[in-house]
Protein backbone atom coordinates (compact mmCIF):
# COMPACT_ATOMS: atom_id res chain seq x y z
CA MET A 1 145.39 179.48 103.82
CA ASN A 2 148.09 182.10 104.13
CA PRO A 3 150.61 181.36 101.34
CA LEU A 4 153.42 182.52 103.63
CA LYS A 5 152.55 179.87 106.19
CA LEU A 6 153.28 176.84 104.01
CA LEU A 7 154.60 173.69 105.54
CA LEU A 8 156.78 171.97 102.97
CA SER A 9 158.52 168.66 102.94
CA PHE A 10 160.48 166.80 100.25
CA GLY A 11 157.98 163.94 100.37
CA THR A 12 155.15 166.13 99.06
CA LEU A 13 157.17 166.87 95.88
CA ALA A 14 157.33 163.29 94.65
CA LEU A 15 160.52 164.05 92.70
CA ALA A 16 162.80 161.34 91.33
CA VAL A 17 165.96 161.56 89.21
CA SER A 18 165.81 159.63 85.92
CA SER A 19 168.95 161.01 84.20
CA ALA A 20 171.77 163.45 84.71
CA HIS A 21 170.28 166.71 85.97
CA ALA A 22 166.77 165.53 85.00
CA VAL A 23 163.90 165.20 87.46
CA GLU A 24 161.25 162.61 86.75
CA GLY A 25 157.89 163.96 85.71
CA TYR A 26 159.11 167.36 84.59
CA LYS A 27 159.97 168.58 81.13
CA ASP A 28 163.33 170.08 80.29
CA VAL A 29 163.01 173.77 79.47
CA TYR A 30 165.47 175.34 77.00
CA LEU A 31 165.67 178.90 75.68
CA ASP A 32 165.00 180.00 72.13
CA ARG A 33 167.49 182.70 71.13
CA GLU A 34 165.10 184.09 68.50
CA GLN A 35 162.36 184.85 71.02
CA ASP A 36 162.22 187.40 73.80
CA ILE A 37 164.05 186.24 76.93
CA VAL A 38 162.63 187.16 80.31
CA ILE A 39 165.10 187.25 83.20
CA HIS A 40 163.12 186.77 86.41
CA SER A 41 164.47 188.00 89.72
CA VAL A 42 163.17 185.60 92.40
CA PHE A 43 163.77 184.93 96.09
CA CYS A 44 164.06 181.45 97.54
CA GLY A 45 164.29 179.97 101.02
CA ASP A 46 161.91 179.79 103.97
CA VAL A 47 159.02 182.09 103.10
CA ASN A 48 158.12 182.24 106.79
CA LYS A 49 161.43 184.00 107.45
CA PHE A 50 162.06 186.92 105.12
CA ASN A 51 165.68 187.22 106.20
CA SER A 52 166.29 183.66 104.95
CA LEU A 53 165.26 184.47 101.38
CA ARG A 54 168.10 184.67 98.90
CA PRO A 55 167.98 186.28 95.43
CA SER A 56 168.26 184.19 92.30
CA TYR A 57 167.57 184.48 88.56
CA VAL A 58 165.61 182.34 86.15
CA TYR A 59 165.64 182.71 82.33
CA THR A 60 162.47 181.93 80.35
CA ASN A 61 160.81 182.69 77.02
CA THR A 62 157.52 183.31 78.81
CA ALA A 63 156.12 185.89 81.22
CA LYS A 64 156.00 183.29 83.99
CA ILE A 65 158.20 180.48 85.21
CA ASP A 66 156.75 177.29 83.80
CA GLU A 67 156.74 173.93 85.50
CA GLY A 68 159.90 172.09 84.48
CA THR A 69 163.67 171.87 84.80
CA TYR A 70 165.97 174.73 83.79
CA TYR A 71 169.69 174.10 83.27
CA TYR A 72 172.64 176.40 83.89
CA THR A 73 176.41 176.31 83.75
CA THR A 74 178.95 178.42 85.64
CA SER A 75 182.68 178.53 86.28
CA TYR A 76 181.96 176.40 89.33
CA GLY A 77 180.04 173.68 87.51
CA ASP A 78 176.58 172.87 86.19
CA TYR A 79 173.33 172.98 88.14
CA SER A 80 169.57 172.83 87.56
CA PHE A 81 166.39 174.36 88.96
CA THR A 82 163.21 172.26 88.89
CA PHE A 83 160.05 174.28 89.54
CA LYS A 84 156.66 172.96 90.54
CA PRO A 85 153.48 174.92 91.31
CA ILE A 86 151.92 174.51 94.75
CA ASP A 87 148.39 173.11 94.59
CA GLY A 88 145.82 175.67 95.62
CA GLN A 89 148.37 178.46 95.98
CA SER A 90 149.26 181.56 94.00
CA GLU A 91 151.19 181.12 90.76
CA HIS A 92 153.68 183.51 92.29
CA LEU A 93 154.83 180.77 94.66
CA ARG A 94 156.86 177.82 93.40
CA ILE A 95 158.55 174.85 94.95
CA ARG A 96 162.13 174.62 93.68
CA GLY A 97 164.46 171.64 93.64
CA LEU A 98 168.17 172.45 93.23
CA LEU A 99 170.82 170.02 91.97
CA LYS A 100 174.37 171.35 91.67
CA ALA A 101 177.97 170.34 90.96
CA GLY A 102 176.92 167.40 88.82
CA GLN A 103 174.55 165.95 91.42
CA THR A 104 171.89 163.56 90.08
CA GLN A 105 170.33 161.85 93.08
CA LYS A 106 166.94 162.71 94.51
CA GLU A 107 168.40 162.65 98.01
CA GLN A 108 170.90 165.35 97.02
CA MET A 109 168.25 167.82 95.88
CA VAL A 110 167.88 170.95 97.99
CA VAL A 111 164.19 171.87 98.15
CA ASP A 112 162.88 175.28 99.10
CA THR A 113 160.13 177.72 98.19
CA CYS A 114 160.50 180.64 95.82
CA LEU A 115 158.67 183.93 95.51
CA VAL A 116 158.49 184.45 91.76
CA GLY A 117 156.01 187.32 91.70
CA PRO A 118 154.27 189.88 93.96
CA LEU A 119 152.05 188.77 96.82
CA GLN A 120 149.95 190.84 99.17
CA GLY A 121 151.60 191.52 102.47
CA LEU A 122 155.18 191.45 101.20
CA PRO A 123 157.45 194.28 102.37
CA PRO A 124 157.80 197.04 99.71
CA LYS A 125 161.55 196.47 99.37
CA LEU A 126 161.00 192.80 98.56
CA LEU A 127 158.13 193.60 96.19
CA ASN A 128 160.28 196.06 94.27
CA SER A 129 163.02 193.45 93.94
CA LEU A 130 160.76 190.89 92.22
CA THR A 131 161.51 192.24 88.76
CA GLN A 132 161.52 190.98 85.19
CA LYS A 133 164.09 192.05 82.61
CA ILE A 134 162.83 191.54 79.05
CA LEU A 135 165.55 191.03 76.49
CA THR A 136 164.42 191.11 72.86
CA SER A 137 166.24 188.97 70.32
CA ASN A 138 167.46 192.04 68.41
CA ASP A 139 168.52 194.05 71.47
CA PRO A 140 171.97 195.57 70.67
CA THR A 141 173.00 194.94 74.29
CA TRP A 142 171.92 191.29 74.19
CA ASP A 143 175.42 189.80 74.54
CA LYS A 144 176.49 192.30 77.19
CA THR A 145 173.35 191.70 79.24
CA MET A 146 173.66 187.92 79.09
CA ILE A 147 177.32 188.13 80.15
CA GLN A 148 176.39 190.47 82.99
CA TYR A 149 173.70 188.18 84.36
CA GLY A 150 175.71 185.08 83.55
CA SER A 151 178.52 186.18 85.85
CA VAL A 152 176.18 185.97 88.86
CA ALA A 153 173.40 183.62 87.73
CA GLY A 154 175.08 181.23 85.32
CA ARG A 155 174.38 180.78 81.62
CA PRO A 156 171.12 179.12 80.59
CA ALA A 157 170.86 176.14 78.24
CA PHE A 158 169.62 176.65 74.67
CA ALA A 159 169.51 172.88 74.12
CA ALA A 160 170.69 169.81 75.98
CA GLY A 161 174.25 170.60 77.03
CA VAL A 162 174.37 173.78 74.92
CA TYR A 163 175.06 177.00 76.82
CA GLU A 164 176.09 179.19 73.90
CA ASP A 165 173.30 180.50 71.69
CA PRO A 166 173.59 179.68 67.98
CA ARG A 167 173.77 183.29 66.84
CA SER A 168 176.65 184.18 69.15
CA THR A 169 178.36 180.88 68.42
CA ALA A 170 178.42 181.65 64.70
CA ARG A 171 179.62 185.21 65.26
CA ASN A 172 182.32 184.14 67.72
CA SER A 173 183.51 181.36 65.41
CA GLU A 174 183.76 183.84 62.55
CA TYR A 175 185.86 186.21 64.66
CA ASP A 176 188.09 183.37 65.89
CA ARG A 177 188.72 182.40 62.28
CA LYS A 178 189.73 186.00 61.52
CA VAL A 179 192.19 185.90 64.44
CA TYR A 180 193.66 182.65 63.12
CA ASP A 181 193.92 183.95 59.55
CA SER A 182 195.60 187.19 60.65
CA ASN A 183 198.11 185.14 62.68
CA GLN A 184 198.95 183.06 59.64
CA GLN A 185 199.35 186.18 57.49
CA TYR A 186 201.61 187.71 60.15
CA MET A 187 203.83 184.62 60.27
CA GLU A 188 204.12 184.59 56.48
CA ALA A 189 204.97 188.30 56.43
CA ALA A 190 207.47 187.79 59.27
CA GLN A 191 209.21 185.04 57.32
CA GLN A 192 209.45 187.25 54.22
CA HIS A 193 210.80 190.15 56.30
CA PHE A 194 213.30 187.88 58.02
CA ALA A 195 214.48 186.44 54.70
CA SER A 196 215.18 189.94 53.37
CA LYS A 197 217.05 191.08 56.49
CA SER A 198 218.93 187.80 56.76
CA GLU A 199 220.08 188.06 53.15
CA GLN A 200 221.58 191.47 53.87
CA LEU A 201 223.44 190.12 56.89
CA GLN A 202 224.62 187.03 55.02
CA ASN A 203 226.08 189.14 52.23
CA GLY A 204 228.37 190.87 54.73
CA LEU A 205 229.57 187.74 56.54
CA PRO A 206 232.38 186.69 54.12
CA LYS A 207 234.13 190.07 54.42
CA LYS A 208 233.60 190.10 58.19
CA LEU A 209 235.28 186.71 58.48
CA GLU A 210 238.19 187.89 56.34
CA ASP A 211 238.48 191.10 58.37
CA ALA A 212 238.33 189.13 61.64
CA ILE A 213 241.24 186.91 60.56
CA LYS A 214 243.26 190.00 59.55
CA TYR A 215 242.43 191.66 62.87
CA ALA A 216 243.57 188.56 64.74
CA ARG A 217 246.91 188.52 62.93
CA GLN A 218 247.39 192.22 63.60
CA GLU A 219 246.44 192.25 67.29
CA ASP A 220 247.69 188.81 68.36
CA GLY A 221 249.91 189.18 71.44
CA ALA A 222 249.20 192.89 71.84
CA THR A 223 248.22 192.41 75.48
CA LYS A 224 251.09 190.09 76.40
CA GLY A 225 253.29 191.91 78.87
CA LYS A 226 250.81 194.77 79.02
CA VAL A 227 251.40 196.89 82.10
CA TYR A 228 248.29 198.01 83.93
CA PRO A 229 248.77 201.19 85.97
CA PRO A 230 248.80 200.65 89.74
CA ILE A 231 245.77 201.76 91.70
CA VAL A 232 246.86 203.71 94.75
CA GLU A 233 244.87 203.48 97.94
CA PRO A 234 243.50 206.81 99.13
CA ALA A 235 245.37 208.61 101.91
CA VAL A 236 242.11 209.18 103.75
CA TRP A 237 239.28 206.65 103.63
CA THR A 238 235.89 208.24 103.23
CA THR A 239 232.68 207.04 101.66
CA THR A 240 233.58 208.89 98.44
CA SER A 241 237.24 207.78 98.32
CA GLN A 242 236.21 204.17 99.05
CA LYS A 243 233.75 204.24 96.15
CA ARG A 244 236.31 205.75 93.75
CA TYR A 245 238.92 203.17 94.78
CA ASN A 246 236.48 200.27 94.30
CA ASP A 247 235.36 201.65 90.94
CA ALA A 248 238.97 201.87 89.73
CA LEU A 249 239.60 198.25 90.81
CA SER A 250 236.44 197.14 89.01
CA ARG A 251 237.39 198.95 85.77
CA GLN A 252 240.85 197.38 85.79
CA ARG A 253 239.42 193.90 86.38
CA GLN A 254 237.06 194.43 83.44
CA GLU A 255 239.93 195.60 81.24
CA ARG A 256 242.04 192.56 82.14
CA ASP A 257 239.09 190.22 81.55
CA TRP A 258 238.36 191.85 78.19
CA ASP A 259 241.97 191.56 77.07
CA LYS A 260 241.95 187.87 78.03
CA VAL A 261 238.75 187.21 76.06
CA ILE A 262 240.18 188.83 72.94
CA GLN A 263 243.48 186.94 73.20
CA ASP A 264 241.59 183.68 73.85
CA ASN A 265 239.73 184.29 70.57
CA PHE A 266 243.01 184.71 68.71
CA ASP A 267 244.55 181.65 70.39
CA TRP A 268 241.53 179.56 69.41
CA LEU A 269 241.69 180.67 65.76
CA PHE A 270 245.41 180.04 65.35
CA SER A 271 245.19 176.69 67.17
CA VAL A 272 242.80 175.66 64.37
CA ILE A 273 244.34 177.18 61.22
CA GLY A 274 247.92 177.96 62.29
CA ARG A 275 249.52 181.39 62.54
CA ASP A 276 251.25 181.42 59.14
CA ASN A 277 248.38 180.06 57.00
CA ASN A 278 247.26 182.63 54.45
CA VAL A 279 243.64 183.11 53.38
CA THR A 280 243.11 182.51 49.67
CA SER A 281 239.34 183.03 49.42
CA VAL A 282 236.21 183.49 51.52
CA GLN A 283 232.69 182.73 50.32
CA ARG A 284 229.21 182.01 51.61
CA VAL A 285 227.92 178.46 51.28
CA PRO A 286 224.26 177.94 50.16
CA THR A 287 222.03 177.73 53.24
CA SER A 288 218.66 176.24 54.13
CA PRO A 289 215.56 178.40 54.68
CA ALA A 290 214.78 179.91 58.06
CA GLN A 291 212.81 177.84 60.57
CA TRP A 292 210.70 178.71 63.60
CA ASN A 293 212.36 177.65 66.84
CA ASP A 294 209.77 178.21 69.52
CA GLN A 295 209.02 181.96 69.21
CA VAL A 296 212.10 182.84 67.16
CA LEU A 297 212.97 182.61 63.48
CA GLU A 298 216.43 181.11 62.99
CA GLN A 299 218.65 180.49 59.98
CA ILE A 300 222.02 178.76 59.95
CA VAL A 301 224.47 180.44 57.55
CA THR A 302 227.78 178.84 56.60
CA VAL A 303 230.83 180.84 55.53
CA ALA A 304 233.95 179.07 54.26
CA ALA A 305 237.51 180.42 54.21
CA SER A 306 240.11 178.59 52.08
CA PHE A 307 243.79 178.67 53.10
CA GLY A 308 247.15 178.23 51.47
CA ASP A 309 247.60 174.73 52.90
CA GLY A 310 244.57 173.59 50.88
CA LYS A 311 242.31 173.28 53.89
CA SER A 312 239.04 175.12 54.56
CA LEU A 313 237.50 176.56 57.73
CA LYS A 314 233.70 176.41 57.61
CA ILE A 315 231.87 178.41 60.23
CA ASP A 316 228.11 178.08 60.89
CA PHE A 317 226.43 181.25 62.11
CA VAL A 318 222.90 181.47 63.53
CA ILE A 319 220.92 184.54 62.47
CA LYS A 320 217.92 185.10 64.74
CA SER A 321 214.84 187.26 65.02
CA GLU A 322 213.49 188.69 68.23
CA LYS A 323 210.74 186.71 69.97
CA VAL A 324 207.20 187.02 68.69
CA ASN A 325 204.05 186.63 70.78
CA ARG A 326 203.49 182.96 71.58
CA ASN A 327 199.76 183.34 70.82
CA ILE A 328 200.63 183.76 67.13
CA PHE A 329 201.13 179.99 66.90
CA ASP A 330 197.76 179.03 68.41
CA SER A 331 195.64 176.60 66.46
CA LEU A 332 192.07 177.57 65.63
CA GLU A 333 190.93 175.25 68.41
CA ASP A 334 193.24 176.94 70.94
CA ILE A 335 192.04 180.38 69.87
CA ALA A 336 188.41 179.33 70.36
CA LYS A 337 189.14 177.91 73.82
CA LYS A 338 190.92 181.06 74.99
CA SER A 339 188.37 183.50 73.57
CA ASN A 340 185.45 181.51 74.98
CA ALA A 341 187.15 181.42 78.38
CA ALA A 342 187.39 185.22 78.26
CA ARG A 343 183.79 185.64 77.09
CA LYS A 344 182.35 183.30 79.71
CA SER A 345 184.57 184.04 82.68
CA ILE A 346 183.09 184.66 86.11
CA ILE A 347 184.06 188.31 85.79
CA GLY A 348 182.06 188.60 82.61
CA GLY A 349 183.21 190.93 79.92
CA THR A 350 186.18 192.41 81.78
CA LYS A 351 188.60 190.07 79.99
CA LYS A 352 189.62 191.40 76.62
CA ILE A 353 189.09 189.17 73.60
CA ARG A 354 192.23 188.95 71.48
CA ASP A 355 192.68 191.69 68.89
CA LEU A 356 193.51 190.91 65.28
CA ILE A 357 197.21 191.34 64.63
CA ASP A 358 198.20 193.55 61.72
CA PRO A 359 200.48 191.58 59.37
CA ALA A 360 202.26 194.86 58.57
CA GLN A 361 203.72 194.75 62.09
CA ALA A 362 206.02 191.99 60.86
CA LYS A 363 208.09 194.68 59.12
CA THR A 364 209.22 195.90 62.55
CA LEU A 365 210.54 192.48 63.60
CA LYS A 366 214.19 192.81 64.62
CA VAL A 367 216.75 190.47 63.09
CA TYR A 368 220.08 190.03 64.83
CA SER A 369 223.51 189.58 63.30
CA PRO A 370 225.76 187.05 65.06
CA THR A 371 228.87 189.22 64.54
CA LYS A 372 228.36 192.80 65.63
CA LYS A 373 231.93 193.31 66.88
CA ILE A 374 234.95 192.22 64.85
CA ASN A 375 237.04 191.52 67.96
CA LEU A 376 234.37 189.13 69.29
CA PHE A 377 233.89 187.42 65.94
CA PHE A 378 235.21 184.03 67.09
CA SER A 379 233.76 184.02 70.63
CA PRO A 380 230.62 181.97 69.78
CA PHE A 381 232.75 179.19 68.29
CA ARG A 382 235.41 179.25 70.99
CA GLY A 383 232.64 179.06 73.58
CA LYS A 384 230.81 176.29 71.68
CA LYS A 385 227.42 177.93 72.01
CA ALA A 386 224.41 175.93 70.83
CA GLY A 387 223.88 176.30 67.09
CA ASP A 388 227.30 177.77 66.34
CA SER A 389 229.72 175.19 64.98
CA TRP A 390 232.85 174.95 62.78
CA ARG A 391 234.84 172.47 60.72
CA TYR A 392 238.43 172.63 59.50
CA LYS A 393 239.66 170.04 57.07
């Protein structure tokens, strides 16, 4: 009988599903990472119509595809191949039952025939495509090869429900732990760096507050009655003259707005402490340690100014760091999930696994003072921004 003239039907397979992805009467086949792995290139479909055959891959620890069920997982879900020899036919022909996307019912199985080795009469191009890739357990390209094939053929099972080989699992877990530890070291170094920079800024705040009050007394009312020079319209309107005229208007509006902001700061201060209340002392109040607020380190610093009327103005400043990478705060479990997603993605090894962060980079973390400009010293409190508060009593 010509093996390419087989008449197949599901009834001749006598297959029945007994458990999830298991086919009754066939053993489950799992890979042993410590043995050679053979990656078989096979073609399945209607062997009477060559153009219907589609390529596929099967992983084994043997030179041939044994009778049994092989399990795979992909980004699109799990599936299984169940192979059965055909009585009286070449071992290079196999009946294959396919269950995919979590299917478990016999009626859902797609049954076809697979060429798993060379047969006489096959076209040379098809013969040359029926290859076997042997991957030894100590092959330095083992991981890369498995990722490469996994992106198109799925990842094989090494045990029931296990699609990551023990050796790689241990190595990946070790690297993930290193990522986690380096993150923790970075955060600790960042906190130490922030504490040092914050201390420097805090030391300067009492004098800045005193200088800001003096500046307010000196400049209060300086813009009242201020005359802004008139802006004359051009005699001839051109594109250039129009632009120059508009720019002059814009600059004057900005100047007026700036003057108003500064005077509003002064008005706020004197509405709180009075215009004739002299400063007797200014000091920093002990503060609590810095805390992480989302991706930013923050520390509230209180400075108190005492006045001649016996009252005190306490101002709470917020010293902040720049944002750090959100991934720094990942738990070990989150790191493992993200790195495994990159390792096992459908595009294989093109996603970069996270690098270890150098804790020394924390020394470059920027820390911001809340009072860079003396004339804007009181703006955060007048505007009641979140975190900035004051008390006068």
